[in-house]
Amino acid sequence: MLTVKLPQLLSVHQMPRVFWEDGIMSGYRHPKSSALDCLLSSFQMTNETVNIWTHFLPTWYFLWRFLLLSYTLDFCRESYNWPLLVYMMLICLYPFTSSLAHTFSSMSTHARHICYFLDYGALSLYSLGCAFTYGAYVMPDRWVNSTLHRYFVPVAAFNTFICTGLSCYSRFLEVERPWLSKILRTVAFVHPFLFDNIPLIYRLAFCFGDDCSWNEAGRLHLYHLLFALLTGFLFASHLPERLAPGRFDYIGHSHQLFHICAVLGTHFQMEAVLCDRSLRKAWLSTHTQGDSLSNTVAVVVTSVAGNILLICFFTATLLWSPHANSILQSHIPGDTKVKEH
């Protein structure tokens, strides 16, 4: 009879320091797992299992929504839909990349950092997708064709480089200066979020009158902002596991809740963008001139290529720089007691 032996799980004190998570005391996978072990662990209850599935399943939901839209909207020939096309591709990319990162991050210390370099790059590009749709459909009426509107997407593209660069660099400080690492990583993602949401925050909080684009999307935008704030709070606070170490190792720790809030926030953001796109189409089509295909492709390609180069640079630094030794601690406390597999 064919049997499958599930990978061995370890406690935090059996792991190299770089694998430790605040308040998570057990359920760690072996830090030198094989790719097969990593795949099998997604069907085993570990401290990463819920992280894997809370982004893997939403990937298919967003892909399903993307396919439904492709049947009703002309993404190829109607320039008004190109920002939505970029956005839908990127909201499918970021949860899928995150799911893969959590799945294979226990193959080695090198693999852990490289997986999260890729994860950060995908999140940075997601912020660009948000900027495309906010610039095209969410911008307040009185800001349309302004200087901010004209340079909104190019600046957001530059922000992706800041986000990826800072977040990847923060991993080199994780062991020796964890607080600085956390601050840099938080700033890396808060910065593009705040920039992307400038038009929305102004529209919801400060814009009153006939030219302020009030419509049914406002409620959905508020839901998105609420979940975005919860996402940031969970990321920074490490609650509830910080208050009760070991109690939330498998279910209920902050990173799982962070994933759920991020996905719900993206869902409401998508619905709000679709609502604005539909309700404001007549007005926007007569008052704005959409970007050309060449400009849209140029921004996307430049951003993707630049982020890939940044990830390659940090990967090369990780692999070959002697200064990276501090985050590549391969010693496992009590390693002689841990059975190799």
C-alpha atoms as a PDB file:
ATOM      1  CA  MET A   1       0.000   0.000   0.000  1.00  0.00           C
ATOM      2  CA  LEU A   2       1.379   3.414  -0.991  1.00  0.00           C
ATOM      3  CA  THR A   3       1.914   5.716   1.971  1.00  0.00           C
ATOM      4  CA  VAL A   4       3.158   9.278   2.113  1.00  0.00           C
ATOM      5  CA  LYS A   5       5.377  10.356   5.005  1.00  0.00           C
ATOM      6  CA  LEU A   6       4.630  13.948   5.910  1.00  0.00           C
ATOM      7  CA  PRO A   7       7.585  16.237   6.642  1.00  0.00           C
ATOM      8  CA  GLN A   8       8.865  16.542  10.196  1.00  0.00           C
ATOM      9  CA  LEU A   9       7.927  19.691  12.131  1.00  0.00           C
ATOM     10  CA  LEU A  10      10.285  21.529  14.486  1.00  0.00           C
ATOM     11  CA  SER A  11      10.072  24.017  17.331  1.00  0.00           C
ATOM     12  CA  VAL A  12      11.457  27.519  17.092  1.00  0.00           C
ATOM     13  CA  HIS A  13      14.625  26.639  19.066  1.00  0.00           C
ATOM     14  CA  GLN A  14      15.492  23.950  16.519  1.00  0.00           C
ATOM     15  CA  MET A  15      15.513  26.511  13.708  1.00  0.00           C
ATOM     16  CA  PRO A  16      18.196  28.945  12.516  1.00  0.00           C
ATOM     17  CA  ARG A  17      17.527  32.432  13.863  1.00  0.00           C
ATOM     18  CA  VAL A  18      16.598  33.786  10.441  1.00  0.00           C
ATOM     19  CA  PHE A  19      13.535  31.505  10.311  1.00  0.00           C
ATOM     20  CA  TRP A  20      12.109  32.654  13.650  1.00  0.00           C
ATOM     21  CA  GLU A  21       8.794  34.471  13.665  1.00  0.00           C
ATOM     22  CA  ASP A  22       7.680  36.609  16.615  1.00  0.00           C
ATOM     23  CA  GLY A  23       5.384  34.657  18.917  1.00  0.00           C
ATOM     24  CA  ILE A  24       5.402  31.497  16.757  1.00  0.00           C
ATOM     25  CA  MET A  25       6.903  28.681  18.839  1.00  0.00           C
ATOM     26  CA  SER A  26       6.151  25.496  16.883  1.00  0.00           C
ATOM     27  CA  GLY A  27       5.023  24.080  13.560  1.00  0.00           C
ATOM     28  CA  TYR A  28       8.179  25.026  11.641  1.00  0.00           C
ATOM     29  CA  ARG A  29       9.207  22.984   8.632  1.00  0.00           C
ATOM     30  CA  HIS A  30      12.764  21.705   8.332  1.00  0.00           C
ATOM     31  CA  PRO A  31      15.007  24.551   7.093  1.00  0.00           C
ATOM     32  CA  LYS A  32      16.525  22.267   4.457  1.00  0.00           C
ATOM     33  CA  SER A  33      13.288  20.804   3.088  1.00  0.00           C
ATOM     34  CA  SER A  34      13.128  19.402  -0.410  1.00  0.00           C
ATOM     35  CA  ALA A  35      10.733  20.886  -2.972  1.00  0.00           C
ATOM     36  CA  LEU A  36       8.522  17.810  -2.554  1.00  0.00           C
ATOM     37  CA  ASP A  37       8.505  18.251   1.226  1.00  0.00           C
ATOM     38  CA  CYS A  38       7.440  21.869   0.737  1.00  0.00           C
ATOM     39  CA  LEU A  39       4.569  20.818  -1.527  1.00  0.00           C
ATOM     40  CA  LEU A  40       3.469  18.082   0.864  1.00  0.00           C
ATOM     41  CA  SER A  41       3.588  20.521   3.782  1.00  0.00           C
ATOM     42  CA  SER A  42       0.813  22.562   2.163  1.00  0.00           C
ATOM     43  CA  PHE A  43      -1.485  19.605   2.962  1.00  0.00           C
ATOM     44  CA  GLN A  44      -0.125  19.279   6.494  1.00  0.00           C
ATOM     45  CA  MET A  45      -0.948  21.621   9.362  1.00  0.00           C
ATOM     46  CA  THR A  46       2.158  23.770   9.855  1.00  0.00           C
ATOM     47  CA  ASN A  47       2.523  27.399  10.827  1.00  0.00           C
ATOM     48  CA  GLU A  48       2.649  28.235   7.082  1.00  0.00           C
ATOM     49  CA  THR A  49      -0.282  26.165   5.791  1.00  0.00           C
ATOM     50  CA  VAL A  50      -2.973  28.807   6.236  1.00  0.00           C
ATOM     51  CA  ASN A  51      -0.593  31.431   4.792  1.00  0.00           C
ATOM     52  CA  ILE A  52      -0.242  29.319   1.653  1.00  0.00           C
ATOM     53  CA  TRP A  53      -3.934  28.697   1.110  1.00  0.00           C
ATOM     54  CA  THR A  54      -5.193  32.181   2.029  1.00  0.00           C
ATOM     55  CA  HIS A  55      -3.367  33.490  -1.041  1.00  0.00           C
ATOM     56  CA  PHE A  56      -3.481  30.456  -3.325  1.00  0.00           C
ATOM     57  CA  LEU A  57      -7.295  30.185  -3.340  1.00  0.00           C
ATOM     58  CA  PRO A  58      -7.889  33.941  -3.877  1.00  0.00           C
ATOM     59  CA  THR A  59      -5.570  33.775  -6.896  1.00  0.00           C
ATOM     60  CA  TRP A  60      -8.141  31.569  -8.599  1.00  0.00           C
ATOM     61  CA  TYR A  61     -10.989  33.840  -7.527  1.00  0.00           C
ATOM     62  CA  PHE A  62      -9.295  36.890  -9.071  1.00  0.00           C
ATOM     63  CA  LEU A  63      -8.417  34.884 -12.180  1.00  0.00           C
ATOM     64  CA  TRP A  64     -12.066  33.816 -12.492  1.00  0.00           C
ATOM     65  CA  ARG A  65     -13.184  37.460 -12.237  1.00  0.00           C
ATOM     66  CA  PHE A  66     -10.572  38.403 -14.834  1.00  0.00           C
ATOM     67  CA  LEU A  67     -11.872  35.774 -17.261  1.00  0.00           C
ATOM     68  CA  LEU A  68     -15.474  36.901 -16.756  1.00  0.00           C
ATOM     69  CA  LEU A  69     -14.481  40.491 -17.508  1.00  0.00           C
ATOM     70  CA  SER A  70     -12.601  39.390 -20.618  1.00  0.00           C
ATOM     71  CA  TYR A  71     -15.867  38.027 -22.035  1.00  0.00           C
ATOM     72  CA  THR A  72     -17.718  41.327 -21.579  1.00  0.00           C
ATOM     73  CA  LEU A  73     -15.007  43.964 -22.071  1.00  0.00           C
ATOM     74  CA  ASP A  74     -12.737  44.589 -25.033  1.00  0.00           C
ATOM     75  CA  PHE A  75      -9.279  44.603 -23.461  1.00  0.00           C
ATOM     76  CA  CYS A  76      -7.471  44.583 -26.800  1.00  0.00           C
ATOM     77  CA  ARG A  77      -8.942  47.467 -28.790  1.00  0.00           C
ATOM     78  CA  GLU A  78     -10.599  49.780 -26.260  1.00  0.00           C
ATOM     79  CA  SER A  79      -7.947  51.939 -24.609  1.00  0.00           C
ATOM     80  CA  TYR A  80     -10.322  52.847 -21.771  1.00  0.00           C
ATOM     81  CA  ASN A  81      -9.974  49.265 -20.527  1.00  0.00           C
ATOM     82  CA  TRP A  82      -6.165  49.004 -20.651  1.00  0.00           C
ATOM     83  CA  PRO A  83      -5.606  50.270 -17.076  1.00  0.00           C
ATOM     84  CA  LEU A  84      -8.093  47.650 -15.862  1.00  0.00           C
ATOM     85  CA  LEU A  85      -6.265  44.969 -17.859  1.00  0.00           C
ATOM     86  CA  VAL A  86      -2.955  45.822 -16.148  1.00  0.00           C
ATOM     87  CA  TYR A  87      -4.633  45.889 -12.745  1.00  0.00           C
ATOM     88  CA  MET A  88      -6.388  42.534 -13.172  1.00  0.00           C
ATOM     89  CA  MET A  89      -3.174  40.811 -14.252  1.00  0.00           C
ATOM     90  CA  LEU A  90      -1.308  42.150 -11.233  1.00  0.00           C
ATOM     91  CA  ILE A  91      -3.965  41.285  -8.646  1.00  0.00           C
ATOM     92  CA  CYS A  92      -3.697  37.715  -9.935  1.00  0.00           C
ATOM     93  CA  LEU A  93       0.098  37.833  -9.741  1.00  0.00           C
ATOM     94  CA  TYR A  94       0.683  39.049  -6.193  1.00  0.00           C
ATOM     95  CA  PRO A  95      -1.291  36.410  -4.220  1.00  0.00           C
ATOM     96  CA  PHE A  96       0.064  33.620  -6.425  1.00  0.00           C
ATOM     97  CA  THR A  97       3.652  34.766  -5.878  1.00  0.00           C
ATOM     98  CA  SER A  98       3.034  35.082  -2.147  1.00  0.00           C
ATOM     99  CA  SER A  99       1.603  31.561  -2.006  1.00  0.00           C
ATOM    100  CA  LEU A 100       4.661  30.167  -3.786  1.00  0.00           C
ATOM    101  CA  ALA A 101       6.982  32.126  -1.495  1.00  0.00           C
ATOM    102  CA  HIS A 102       5.375  30.680   1.616  1.00  0.00           C
ATOM    103  CA  THR A 103       5.381  27.192   0.101  1.00  0.00           C
ATOM    104  CA  PHE A 104       9.065  27.004  -0.858  1.00  0.00           C
ATOM    105  CA  SER A 105      10.682  29.354   1.664  1.00  0.00           C
ATOM    106  CA  SER A 106      11.850  26.477   3.872  1.00  0.00           C
ATOM    107  CA  MET A 107      14.147  24.877   1.273  1.00  0.00           C
ATOM    108  CA  SER A 108      17.176  26.796   2.593  1.00  0.00           C
ATOM    109  CA  THR A 109      18.171  30.164   3.989  1.00  0.00           C
ATOM    110  CA  HIS A 110      19.014  31.297   0.459  1.00  0.00           C
ATOM    111  CA  ALA A 111      15.657  30.102  -0.853  1.00  0.00           C
ATOM    112  CA  ARG A 112      13.817  31.853   1.970  1.00  0.00           C
ATOM    113  CA  HIS A 113      15.220  35.265   1.107  1.00  0.00           C
ATOM    114  CA  ILE A 114      14.913  34.814  -2.663  1.00  0.00           C
ATOM    115  CA  CYS A 115      11.288  33.684  -2.340  1.00  0.00           C
ATOM    116  CA  TYR A 116      10.465  36.838  -0.416  1.00  0.00           C
ATOM    117  CA  PHE A 117      12.435  39.038  -2.820  1.00  0.00           C
ATOM    118  CA  LEU A 118      10.042  37.790  -5.505  1.00  0.00           C
ATOM    119  CA  ASP A 119       7.061  38.307  -3.209  1.00  0.00           C
ATOM    120  CA  TYR A 120       8.067  41.916  -2.572  1.00  0.00           C
ATOM    121  CA  GLY A 121       8.514  42.529  -6.281  1.00  0.00           C
ATOM    122  CA  ALA A 122       5.013  41.240  -7.026  1.00  0.00           C
ATOM    123  CA  LEU A 123       3.516  43.444  -4.299  1.00  0.00           C
ATOM    124  CA  SER A 124       5.380  46.446  -5.684  1.00  0.00           C
ATOM    125  CA  LEU A 125       3.950  45.797  -9.138  1.00  0.00           C
ATOM    126  CA  TYR A 126       0.484  45.420  -7.631  1.00  0.00           C
ATOM    127  CA  SER A 127       0.829  49.001  -6.368  1.00  0.00           C
ATOM    128  CA  LEU A 128       1.498  50.038  -9.963  1.00  0.00           C
ATOM    129  CA  GLY A 129      -1.688  48.269 -11.074  1.00  0.00           C
ATOM    130  CA  CYS A 130      -3.589  50.266  -8.457  1.00  0.00           C
ATOM    131  CA  ALA A 131      -2.092  53.496  -9.790  1.00  0.00           C
ATOM    132  CA  PHE A 132      -3.162  52.641 -13.343  1.00  0.00           C
ATOM    133  CA  THR A 133      -6.804  52.232 -12.340  1.00  0.00           C
ATOM    134  CA  TYR A 134      -6.851  55.118  -9.866  1.00  0.00           C
ATOM    135  CA  GLY A 135      -5.377  57.442 -12.457  1.00  0.00           C
ATOM    136  CA  ALA A 136      -7.848  56.257 -15.082  1.00  0.00           C
ATOM    137  CA  TYR A 137     -11.113  55.869 -13.121  1.00  0.00           C
ATOM    138  CA  VAL A 138     -10.822  57.212  -9.552  1.00  0.00           C
ATOM    139  CA  MET A 139      -9.177  60.621 -10.003  1.00  0.00           C
ATOM    140  CA  PRO A 140     -11.465  63.451  -8.752  1.00  0.00           C
ATOM    141  CA  ASP A 141     -13.106  65.445 -11.553  1.00  0.00           C
ATOM    142  CA  ARG A 142     -11.313  68.652 -10.619  1.00  0.00           C
ATOM    143  CA  TRP A 143      -7.906  66.893 -10.768  1.00  0.00           C
ATOM    144  CA  VAL A 144      -8.409  65.338 -14.195  1.00  0.00           C
ATOM    145  CA  ASN A 145      -5.749  66.561 -16.670  1.00  0.00           C
ATOM    146  CA  SER A 146      -3.798  68.218 -13.847  1.00  0.00           C
ATOM    147  CA  THR A 147      -0.034  67.860 -13.443  1.00  0.00           C
ATOM    148  CA  LEU A 148      -0.572  65.162 -10.814  1.00  0.00           C
ATOM    149  CA  HIS A 149      -2.837  63.272 -13.190  1.00  0.00           C
ATOM    150  CA  ARG A 150      -0.328  63.399 -16.037  1.00  0.00           C
ATOM    151  CA  TYR A 151       2.577  62.124 -13.918  1.00  0.00           C
ATOM    152  CA  PHE A 152       0.621  59.889 -11.559  1.00  0.00           C
ATOM    153  CA  VAL A 153       1.407  56.546 -13.211  1.00  0.00           C
ATOM    154  CA  PRO A 154       5.082  57.312 -14.046  1.00  0.00           C
ATOM    155  CA  VAL A 155       5.723  58.323 -10.415  1.00  0.00           C
ATOM    156  CA  ALA A 156       3.950  55.157  -9.239  1.00  0.00           C
ATOM    157  CA  ALA A 157       6.215  53.138 -11.527  1.00  0.00           C
ATOM    158  CA  PHE A 158       9.267  54.766  -9.916  1.00  0.00           C
ATOM    159  CA  ASN A 159       7.776  53.989  -6.499  1.00  0.00           C
ATOM    160  CA  THR A 160       7.858  50.281  -7.338  1.00  0.00           C
ATOM    161  CA  PHE A 161      11.652  50.476  -7.459  1.00  0.00           C
ATOM    162  CA  ILE A 162      11.754  52.179  -4.051  1.00  0.00           C
ATOM    163  CA  CYS A 163       9.380  49.583  -2.619  1.00  0.00           C
ATOM    164  CA  THR A 164      11.257  46.560  -3.966  1.00  0.00           C
ATOM    165  CA  GLY A 165      14.668  48.009  -3.166  1.00  0.00           C
ATOM    166  CA  LEU A 166      13.858  48.952   0.444  1.00  0.00           C
ATOM    167  CA  SER A 167      11.957  45.759   1.228  1.00  0.00           C
ATOM    168  CA  CYS A 168      14.668  43.503  -0.219  1.00  0.00           C
ATOM    169  CA  TYR A 169      17.412  45.458   1.566  1.00  0.00           C
ATOM    170  CA  SER A 170      15.497  45.137   4.842  1.00  0.00           C
ATOM    171  CA  ARG A 171      16.057  41.380   4.799  1.00  0.00           C
ATOM    172  CA  PHE A 172      19.811  41.926   5.181  1.00  0.00           C
ATOM    173  CA  LEU A 173      19.113  43.643   8.528  1.00  0.00           C
ATOM    174  CA  GLU A 174      16.653  41.067   9.880  1.00  0.00           C
ATOM    175  CA  VAL A 175      18.986  39.242  12.268  1.00  0.00           C
ATOM    176  CA  GLU A 176      21.262  42.003  13.547  1.00  0.00           C
ATOM    177  CA  ARG A 177      18.813  44.945  13.505  1.00  0.00           C
ATOM    178  CA  PRO A 178      15.281  43.512  13.413  1.00  0.00           C
ATOM    179  CA  TRP A 179      13.546  46.758  14.394  1.00  0.00           C
ATOM    180  CA  LEU A 180      15.223  48.728  11.622  1.00  0.00           C
ATOM    181  CA  SER A 181      14.404  45.913   9.205  1.00  0.00           C
ATOM    182  CA  LYS A 182      10.733  46.070  10.200  1.00  0.00           C
ATOM    183  CA  ILE A 183      10.599  49.845   9.906  1.00  0.00           C
ATOM    184  CA  LEU A 184      12.190  49.846   6.452  1.00  0.00           C
ATOM    185  CA  ARG A 185       9.867  47.112   5.200  1.00  0.00           C
ATOM    186  CA  THR A 186       6.820  48.900   6.574  1.00  0.00           C
ATOM    187  CA  VAL A 187       7.877  52.196   4.987  1.00  0.00           C
ATOM    188  CA  ALA A 188       8.557  50.382   1.714  1.00  0.00           C
ATOM    189  CA  PHE A 189       4.912  49.335   1.399  1.00  0.00           C
ATOM    190  CA  VAL A 190       3.203  52.273   3.112  1.00  0.00           C
ATOM    191  CA  HIS A 191       4.890  54.754   0.758  1.00  0.00           C
ATOM    192  CA  PRO A 192       3.358  53.499  -2.550  1.00  0.00           C
ATOM    193  CA  PHE A 193       0.020  52.840  -0.801  1.00  0.00           C
ATOM    194  CA  LEU A 194      -0.216  56.445   0.394  1.00  0.00           C
ATOM    195  CA  PHE A 195       0.818  57.825  -2.974  1.00  0.00           C
ATOM    196  CA  ASP A 196      -1.644  55.650  -4.914  1.00  0.00           C
ATOM    197  CA  ASN A 197      -4.481  56.670  -2.603  1.00  0.00           C
ATOM    198  CA  ILE A 198      -3.928  60.441  -2.725  1.00  0.00           C
ATOM    199  CA  PRO A 199      -6.756  60.918  -5.279  1.00  0.00           C
ATOM    200  CA  LEU A 200      -9.084  58.608  -3.369  1.00  0.00           C
ATOM    201  CA  ILE A 201      -8.431  60.127   0.065  1.00  0.00           C
ATOM    202  CA  TYR A 202      -8.950  63.639  -1.336  1.00  0.00           C
ATOM    203  CA  ARG A 203     -12.116  62.560  -3.101  1.00  0.00           C
ATOM    204  CA  LEU A 204     -13.599  60.892  -0.007  1.00  0.00           C
ATOM    205  CA  ALA A 205     -12.474  63.309   2.691  1.00  0.00           C
ATOM    206  CA  PHE A 206     -11.988  66.759   1.200  1.00  0.00           C
ATOM    207  CA  CYS A 207     -13.882  67.007  -2.072  1.00  0.00           C
ATOM    208  CA  PHE A 208     -17.400  68.448  -1.913  1.00  0.00           C
ATOM    209  CA  GLY A 209     -19.663  69.772  -4.628  1.00  0.00           C
ATOM    210  CA  ASP A 210     -20.833  68.831  -8.073  1.00  0.00           C
ATOM    211  CA  ASP A 211     -17.374  68.016  -9.447  1.00  0.00           C
ATOM    212  CA  CYS A 212     -16.337  65.491  -6.813  1.00  0.00           C
ATOM    213  CA  SER A 213     -17.454  62.255  -8.435  1.00  0.00           C
ATOM    214  CA  TRP A 214     -19.654  61.017  -5.597  1.00  0.00           C
ATOM    215  CA  ASN A 215     -21.253  57.732  -6.602  1.00  0.00           C
ATOM    216  CA  GLU A 216     -21.962  54.208  -5.384  1.00  0.00           C
ATOM    217  CA  ALA A 217     -18.256  53.326  -5.474  1.00  0.00           C
ATOM    218  CA  GLY A 218     -17.556  55.483  -2.415  1.00  0.00           C
ATOM    219  CA  ARG A 219     -18.836  52.880   0.034  1.00  0.00           C
ATOM    220  CA  LEU A 220     -16.690  50.160  -1.587  1.00  0.00           C
ATOM    221  CA  HIS A 221     -13.631  52.408  -1.482  1.00  0.00           C
ATOM    222  CA  LEU A 222     -14.195  52.933   2.249  1.00  0.00           C
ATOM    223  CA  TYR A 223     -14.345  49.169   2.813  1.00  0.00           C
ATOM    224  CA  HIS A 224     -11.075  48.811   0.929  1.00  0.00           C
ATOM    225  CA  LEU A 225      -9.382  51.484   3.046  1.00  0.00           C
ATOM    226  CA  LEU A 226     -10.670  49.866   6.243  1.00  0.00           C
ATOM    227  CA  PHE A 227      -9.181  46.495   5.333  1.00  0.00           C
ATOM    228  CA  ALA A 228      -5.970  48.172   4.155  1.00  0.00           C
ATOM    229  CA  LEU A 229      -5.579  49.793   7.581  1.00  0.00           C
ATOM    230  CA  LEU A 230      -6.234  46.451   9.289  1.00  0.00           C
ATOM    231  CA  THR A 231      -3.650  44.838   7.015  1.00  0.00           C
ATOM    232  CA  GLY A 232      -1.021  47.394   7.970  1.00  0.00           C
ATOM    233  CA  PHE A 233      -1.843  47.108  11.670  1.00  0.00           C
ATOM    234  CA  LEU A 234      -1.519  43.313  11.642  1.00  0.00           C
ATOM    235  CA  PHE A 235       1.741  43.465   9.700  1.00  0.00           C
ATOM    236  CA  ALA A 236       3.331  45.903  12.138  1.00  0.00           C
ATOM    237  CA  SER A 237       1.908  44.637  15.431  1.00  0.00           C
ATOM    238  CA  HIS A 238       2.309  40.828  15.284  1.00  0.00           C
ATOM    239  CA  LEU A 239      -0.913  40.522  17.283  1.00  0.00           C
ATOM    240  CA  PRO A 240      -2.339  38.329  18.724  1.00  0.00           C
ATOM    241  CA  GLU A 241       0.646  35.915  18.881  1.00  0.00           C
ATOM    242  CA  ARG A 242       2.896  38.493  20.534  1.00  0.00           C
ATOM    243  CA  LEU A 243       0.541  38.531  23.555  1.00  0.00           C
ATOM    244  CA  ALA A 244       0.324  34.736  23.826  1.00  0.00           C
ATOM    245  CA  PRO A 245       3.393  33.078  22.239  1.00  0.00           C
ATOM    246  CA  GLY A 246       2.643  29.537  21.108  1.00  0.00           C
ATOM    247  CA  ARG A 247      -1.158  29.849  21.263  1.00  0.00           C
ATOM    248  CA  PHE A 248      -1.643  30.900  17.635  1.00  0.00           C
ATOM    249  CA  ASP A 249       1.121  28.928  15.938  1.00  0.00           C
ATOM    250  CA  TYR A 250      -1.160  27.109  13.509  1.00  0.00           C
ATOM    251  CA  ILE A 251      -4.346  29.142  13.263  1.00  0.00           C
ATOM    252  CA  GLY A 252      -5.037  32.786  14.010  1.00  0.00           C
ATOM    253  CA  HIS A 253      -1.613  34.450  13.964  1.00  0.00           C
ATOM    254  CA  SER A 254      -1.143  37.901  12.489  1.00  0.00           C
ATOM    255  CA  HIS A 255       0.286  36.887   9.132  1.00  0.00           C
ATOM    256  CA  GLN A 256      -2.737  34.717   8.384  1.00  0.00           C
ATOM    257  CA  LEU A 257      -5.080  37.551   9.360  1.00  0.00           C
ATOM    258  CA  PHE A 258      -2.884  39.912   7.337  1.00  0.00           C
ATOM    259  CA  HIS A 259      -3.381  37.732   4.246  1.00  0.00           C
ATOM    260  CA  ILE A 260      -7.145  37.559   4.741  1.00  0.00           C
ATOM    261  CA  CYS A 261      -7.502  41.321   5.228  1.00  0.00           C
ATOM    262  CA  ALA A 262      -5.263  42.018   2.228  1.00  0.00           C
ATOM    263  CA  VAL A 263      -7.376  39.795  -0.023  1.00  0.00           C
ATOM    264  CA  LEU A 264     -10.653  41.259   1.245  1.00  0.00           C
ATOM    265  CA  GLY A 265      -9.248  44.747   0.739  1.00  0.00           C
ATOM    266  CA  THR A 266      -8.248  43.874  -2.814  1.00  0.00           C
ATOM    267  CA  HIS A 267     -11.714  42.433  -3.469  1.00  0.00           C
ATOM    268  CA  PHE A 268     -13.442  45.648  -2.369  1.00  0.00           C
ATOM    269  CA  GLN A 269     -10.883  47.715  -4.263  1.00  0.00           C
ATOM    270  CA  MET A 270     -11.588  45.737  -7.436  1.00  0.00           C
ATOM    271  CA  GLU A 271     -15.351  46.170  -7.017  1.00  0.00           C
ATOM    272  CA  ALA A 272     -14.929  49.897  -6.382  1.00  0.00           C
ATOM    273  CA  VAL A 273     -12.705  50.332  -9.430  1.00  0.00           C
ATOM    274  CA  LEU A 274     -15.182  48.432 -11.611  1.00  0.00           C
ATOM    275  CA  CYS A 275     -18.006  50.584 -10.281  1.00  0.00           C
ATOM    276  CA  ASP A 276     -16.126  53.840 -10.958  1.00  0.00           C
ATOM    277  CA  ARG A 277     -15.069  52.580 -14.369  1.00  0.00           C
ATOM    278  CA  SER A 278     -18.677  51.937 -15.353  1.00  0.00           C
ATOM    279  CA  LEU A 279     -20.410  54.937 -13.751  1.00  0.00           C
ATOM    280  CA  ARG A 280     -17.826  57.525 -14.836  1.00  0.00           C
ATOM    281  CA  LYS A 281     -17.148  56.187 -18.330  1.00  0.00           C
ATOM    282  CA  ALA A 282     -19.244  58.751 -20.218  1.00  0.00           C
ATOM    283  CA  TRP A 283     -17.735  61.738 -18.400  1.00  0.00           C
ATOM    284  CA  LEU A 284     -14.151  60.479 -18.422  1.00  0.00           C
ATOM    285  CA  SER A 285     -14.293  59.503 -22.091  1.00  0.00           C
ATOM    286  CA  THR A 286     -15.168  63.070 -23.066  1.00  0.00           C
ATOM    287  CA  HIS A 287     -12.770  64.846 -20.693  1.00  0.00           C
ATOM    288  CA  THR A 288      -9.646  62.697 -20.849  1.00  0.00           C
ATOM    289  CA  GLN A 289      -7.508  61.140 -23.503  1.00  0.00           C
ATOM    290  CA  GLY A 290      -6.373  57.657 -22.561  1.00  0.00           C
ATOM    291  CA  ASP A 291      -2.737  56.654 -22.747  1.00  0.00           C
ATOM    292  CA  SER A 292      -1.534  55.147 -25.988  1.00  0.00           C
ATOM    293  CA  LEU A 293      -0.765  51.455 -26.152  1.00  0.00           C
ATOM    294  CA  SER A 294       2.939  52.204 -26.507  1.00  0.00           C
ATOM    295  CA  ASN A 295       2.969  54.348 -23.346  1.00  0.00           C
ATOM    296  CA  THR A 296       1.049  51.763 -21.337  1.00  0.00           C
ATOM    297  CA  VAL A 297       3.286  48.914 -22.474  1.00  0.00           C
ATOM    298  CA  ALA A 298       6.418  51.009 -21.930  1.00  0.00           C
ATOM    299  CA  VAL A 299       5.532  51.785 -18.306  1.00  0.00           C
ATOM    300  CA  VAL A 300       4.612  48.169 -17.517  1.00  0.00           C
ATOM    301  CA  VAL A 301       7.655  46.664 -19.240  1.00  0.00           C
ATOM    302  CA  THR A 302      10.038  49.181 -17.660  1.00  0.00           C
ATOM    303  CA  SER A 303       8.597  48.520 -14.205  1.00  0.00           C
ATOM    304  CA  VAL A 304       8.686  44.739 -14.567  1.00  0.00           C
ATOM    305  CA  ALA A 305      12.208  44.772 -16.016  1.00  0.00           C
ATOM    306  CA  GLY A 306      13.484  47.187 -13.371  1.00  0.00           C
ATOM    307  CA  ASN A 307      12.040  45.145 -10.527  1.00  0.00           C
ATOM    308  CA  ILE A 308      13.495  41.938 -11.957  1.00  0.00           C
ATOM    309  CA  LEU A 309      16.912  43.601 -12.154  1.00  0.00           C
ATOM    310  CA  LEU A 310      16.624  44.752  -8.544  1.00  0.00           C
ATOM    311  CA  ILE A 311      15.683  41.245  -7.422  1.00  0.00           C
ATOM    312  CA  CYS A 312      18.628  39.828  -9.400  1.00  0.00           C
ATOM    313  CA  PHE A 313      20.954  42.366  -7.776  1.00  0.00           C
ATOM    314  CA  PHE A 314      19.852  41.484  -4.241  1.00  0.00           C
ATOM    315  CA  THR A 315      19.962  37.776  -5.064  1.00  0.00           C
ATOM    316  CA  ALA A 316      23.525  38.105  -6.360  1.00  0.00           C
ATOM    317  CA  THR A 317      24.466  40.078  -3.235  1.00  0.00           C
ATOM    318  CA  LEU A 318      22.926  37.363  -1.093  1.00  0.00           C
ATOM    319  CA  LEU A 319      24.783  34.582  -2.890  1.00  0.00           C
ATOM    320  CA  TRP A 320      28.207  36.130  -3.288  1.00  0.00           C
ATOM    321  CA  SER A 321      28.707  39.028  -0.903  1.00  0.00           C
ATOM    322  CA  PRO A 322      30.600  38.258   2.346  1.00  0.00           C
ATOM    323  CA  HIS A 323      28.439  40.905   4.040  1.00  0.00           C
ATOM    324  CA  ALA A 324      25.400  38.630   3.598  1.00  0.00           C
ATOM    325  CA  ASN A 325      26.733  36.000   6.015  1.00  0.00           C
ATOM    326  CA  SER A 326      24.779  37.444   8.931  1.00  0.00           C
ATOM    327  CA  ILE A 327      21.439  36.522   7.347  1.00  0.00           C
ATOM    328  CA  LEU A 328      22.553  33.113   6.118  1.00  0.00           C
ATOM    329  CA  GLN A 329      22.904  31.443   9.473  1.00  0.00           C
ATOM    330  CA  SER A 330      22.626  27.764   8.617  1.00  0.00           C
ATOM    331  CA  HIS A 331      23.403  26.412  12.087  1.00  0.00           C
ATOM    332  CA  ILE A 332      20.440  24.705  13.686  1.00  0.00           C
ATOM    333  CA  PRO A 333      20.479  24.646  17.485  1.00  0.00           C
ATOM    334  CA  GLY A 334      20.502  21.029  18.564  1.00  0.00           C
ATOM    335  CA  ASP A 335      21.133  19.956  14.973  1.00  0.00           C
ATOM    336  CA  THR A 336      22.437  16.580  16.071  1.00  0.00           C
ATOM    337  CA  LYS A 337      19.028  15.842  17.518  1.00  0.00           C
ATOM    338  CA  VAL A 338      17.181  16.773  14.351  1.00  0.00           C
ATOM    339  CA  LYS A 339      16.750  13.890  11.974  1.00  0.00           C
ATOM    340  CA  GLU A 340      17.771  14.711   8.418  1.00  0.00           C
ATOM    341  CA  HIS A 341      15.286  13.766   5.729  1.00  0.00           C
END
